[in-house]
Amino acid sequence: MDEKPPRVTVHPPGPDGARRVTAGDRTLGVAHRIEDLVKILRHALLAEHVPLDEVEVEETDLIDWQGGGPGEWGG
């Protein structure tokens, strides 16, 4: 049986533009731009399940973008 990777939530930008990144109740990190998100996912979670080279973070259904999509970083 194929195990599905956990869904990741990228929360709305804070006043400084940073976005909290979580998987369930687990905080994975804080991203200030898309490159930070890629690093967080590579080190904290998705690399275990899906080769990150095969995931387009802007388009994957593994990420729930709240408060704006991948182009919204505020600040």
C-alpha atoms as a PDB file:
ATOM      1  CA  MET A   1       0.000   0.000   0.000  1.00  0.00           C
ATOM      2  CA  ASP A   2       1.411   3.409  -0.992  1.00  0.00           C
ATOM      3  CA  GLU A   3       1.718   5.807   1.921  1.00  0.00           C
ATOM      4  CA  LYS A   4       0.514   9.313   1.138  1.00  0.00           C
ATOM      5  CA  PRO A   5       2.659  12.171   2.459  1.00  0.00           C
ATOM      6  CA  PRO A   6       1.086  14.308   5.186  1.00  0.00           C
ATOM      7  CA  ARG A   7      -0.595  17.501   4.007  1.00  0.00           C
ATOM      8  CA  VAL A   8       1.426  20.632   4.706  1.00  0.00           C
ATOM      9  CA  THR A   9      -0.196  23.953   5.604  1.00  0.00           C
ATOM     10  CA  VAL A  10       1.438  27.267   4.710  1.00  0.00           C
ATOM     11  CA  HIS A  11      -0.285  29.779   6.976  1.00  0.00           C
ATOM     12  CA  PRO A  12      -1.139  33.402   6.075  1.00  0.00           C
ATOM     13  CA  PRO A  13       1.748  35.892   6.059  1.00  0.00           C
ATOM     14  CA  GLY A  14       2.422  37.656   9.339  1.00  0.00           C
ATOM     15  CA  PRO A  15       3.223  41.375   9.635  1.00  0.00           C
ATOM     16  CA  ASP A  16       6.829  40.690   8.610  1.00  0.00           C
ATOM     17  CA  GLY A  17       5.760  38.574   5.616  1.00  0.00           C
ATOM     18  CA  ALA A  18       6.846  35.295   7.208  1.00  0.00           C
ATOM     19  CA  ARG A  19       4.566  32.275   6.880  1.00  0.00           C
ATOM     20  CA  ARG A  20       4.416  29.448   9.412  1.00  0.00           C
ATOM     21  CA  VAL A  21       4.627  25.964   7.889  1.00  0.00           C
ATOM     22  CA  THR A  22       2.944  23.051   9.659  1.00  0.00           C
ATOM     23  CA  ALA A  23       1.984  19.422   9.137  1.00  0.00           C
ATOM     24  CA  GLY A  24      -0.895  18.608  11.446  1.00  0.00           C
ATOM     25  CA  ASP A  25       0.052  19.852  14.906  1.00  0.00           C
ATOM     26  CA  ARG A  26       3.766  19.848  14.067  1.00  0.00           C
ATOM     27  CA  THR A  27       5.446  23.167  13.211  1.00  0.00           C
ATOM     28  CA  LEU A  28       8.021  22.552  10.496  1.00  0.00           C
ATOM     29  CA  GLY A  29       9.425  26.071  10.321  1.00  0.00           C
ATOM     30  CA  VAL A  30       8.891  29.627   9.156  1.00  0.00           C
ATOM     31  CA  ALA A  31       9.341  30.690   5.533  1.00  0.00           C
ATOM     32  CA  HIS A  32      10.003  34.225   4.302  1.00  0.00           C
ATOM     33  CA  ARG A  33       9.997  33.231   0.614  1.00  0.00           C
ATOM     34  CA  ILE A  34       9.389  30.201  -1.580  1.00  0.00           C
ATOM     35  CA  GLU A  35      13.041  29.078  -1.349  1.00  0.00           C
ATOM     36  CA  ASP A  36      12.693  28.847   2.446  1.00  0.00           C
ATOM     37  CA  LEU A  37       9.628  26.652   2.015  1.00  0.00           C
ATOM     38  CA  VAL A  38      11.529  24.290  -0.273  1.00  0.00           C
ATOM     39  CA  LYS A  39      14.324  23.979   2.321  1.00  0.00           C
ATOM     40  CA  ILE A  40      11.832  23.354   5.134  1.00  0.00           C
ATOM     41  CA  LEU A  41      10.074  20.657   3.145  1.00  0.00           C
ATOM     42  CA  ARG A  42      13.302  19.018   2.071  1.00  0.00           C
ATOM     43  CA  HIS A  43      14.694  18.820   5.607  1.00  0.00           C
ATOM     44  CA  ALA A  44      11.598  18.331   7.673  1.00  0.00           C
ATOM     45  CA  LEU A  45       9.133  16.210   5.822  1.00  0.00           C
ATOM     46  CA  LEU A  46       8.579  15.569   2.146  1.00  0.00           C
ATOM     47  CA  ALA A  47      12.014  14.209   1.276  1.00  0.00           C
ATOM     48  CA  GLU A  48      11.032  11.126   3.273  1.00  0.00           C
ATOM     49  CA  HIS A  49       8.031  10.463   1.025  1.00  0.00           C
ATOM     50  CA  VAL A  50       8.381  12.167  -2.341  1.00  0.00           C
ATOM     51  CA  PRO A  51      11.603  13.273  -4.044  1.00  0.00           C
ATOM     52  CA  LEU A  52      11.347  17.059  -3.786  1.00  0.00           C
ATOM     53  CA  ASP A  53      12.692  17.415  -7.314  1.00  0.00           C
ATOM     54  CA  GLU A  54       9.407  15.890  -8.476  1.00  0.00           C
ATOM     55  CA  VAL A  55       7.201  18.299  -6.488  1.00  0.00           C
ATOM     56  CA  GLU A  56       6.288  21.744  -7.783  1.00  0.00           C
ATOM     57  CA  VAL A  57       5.552  23.499  -4.480  1.00  0.00           C
ATOM     58  CA  GLU A  58       3.485  26.126  -6.268  1.00  0.00           C
ATOM     59  CA  GLU A  59       1.194  23.499  -7.844  1.00  0.00           C
ATOM     60  CA  THR A  60       1.147  20.386  -5.643  1.00  0.00           C
ATOM     61  CA  ASP A  61      -1.993  19.322  -3.836  1.00  0.00           C
ATOM     62  CA  LEU A  62       0.199  18.306  -0.872  1.00  0.00           C
ATOM     63  CA  ILE A  63       0.253  21.944   0.301  1.00  0.00           C
ATOM     64  CA  ASP A  64      -2.710  23.892   1.657  1.00  0.00           C
ATOM     65  CA  TRP A  65      -1.989  27.579   1.004  1.00  0.00           C
ATOM     66  CA  GLN A  66      -3.902  29.737   3.489  1.00  0.00           C
ATOM     67  CA  GLY A  67      -4.180  33.497   3.262  1.00  0.00           C
ATOM     68  CA  GLY A  68      -2.758  33.638  -0.260  1.00  0.00           C
ATOM     69  CA  GLY A  69      -0.892  31.411  -2.656  1.00  0.00           C
ATOM     70  CA  PRO A  70       2.805  30.879  -3.266  1.00  0.00           C
ATOM     71  CA  GLY A  71       3.274  34.449  -4.504  1.00  0.00           C
ATOM     72  CA  GLU A  72       1.969  36.042  -1.287  1.00  0.00           C
ATOM     73  CA  TRP A  73       4.713  36.720   1.252  1.00  0.00           C
ATOM     74  CA  GLY A  74       3.641  40.140   2.561  1.00  0.00           C
ATOM     75  CA  GLY A  75       6.179  42.367   4.231  1.00  0.00           C
END
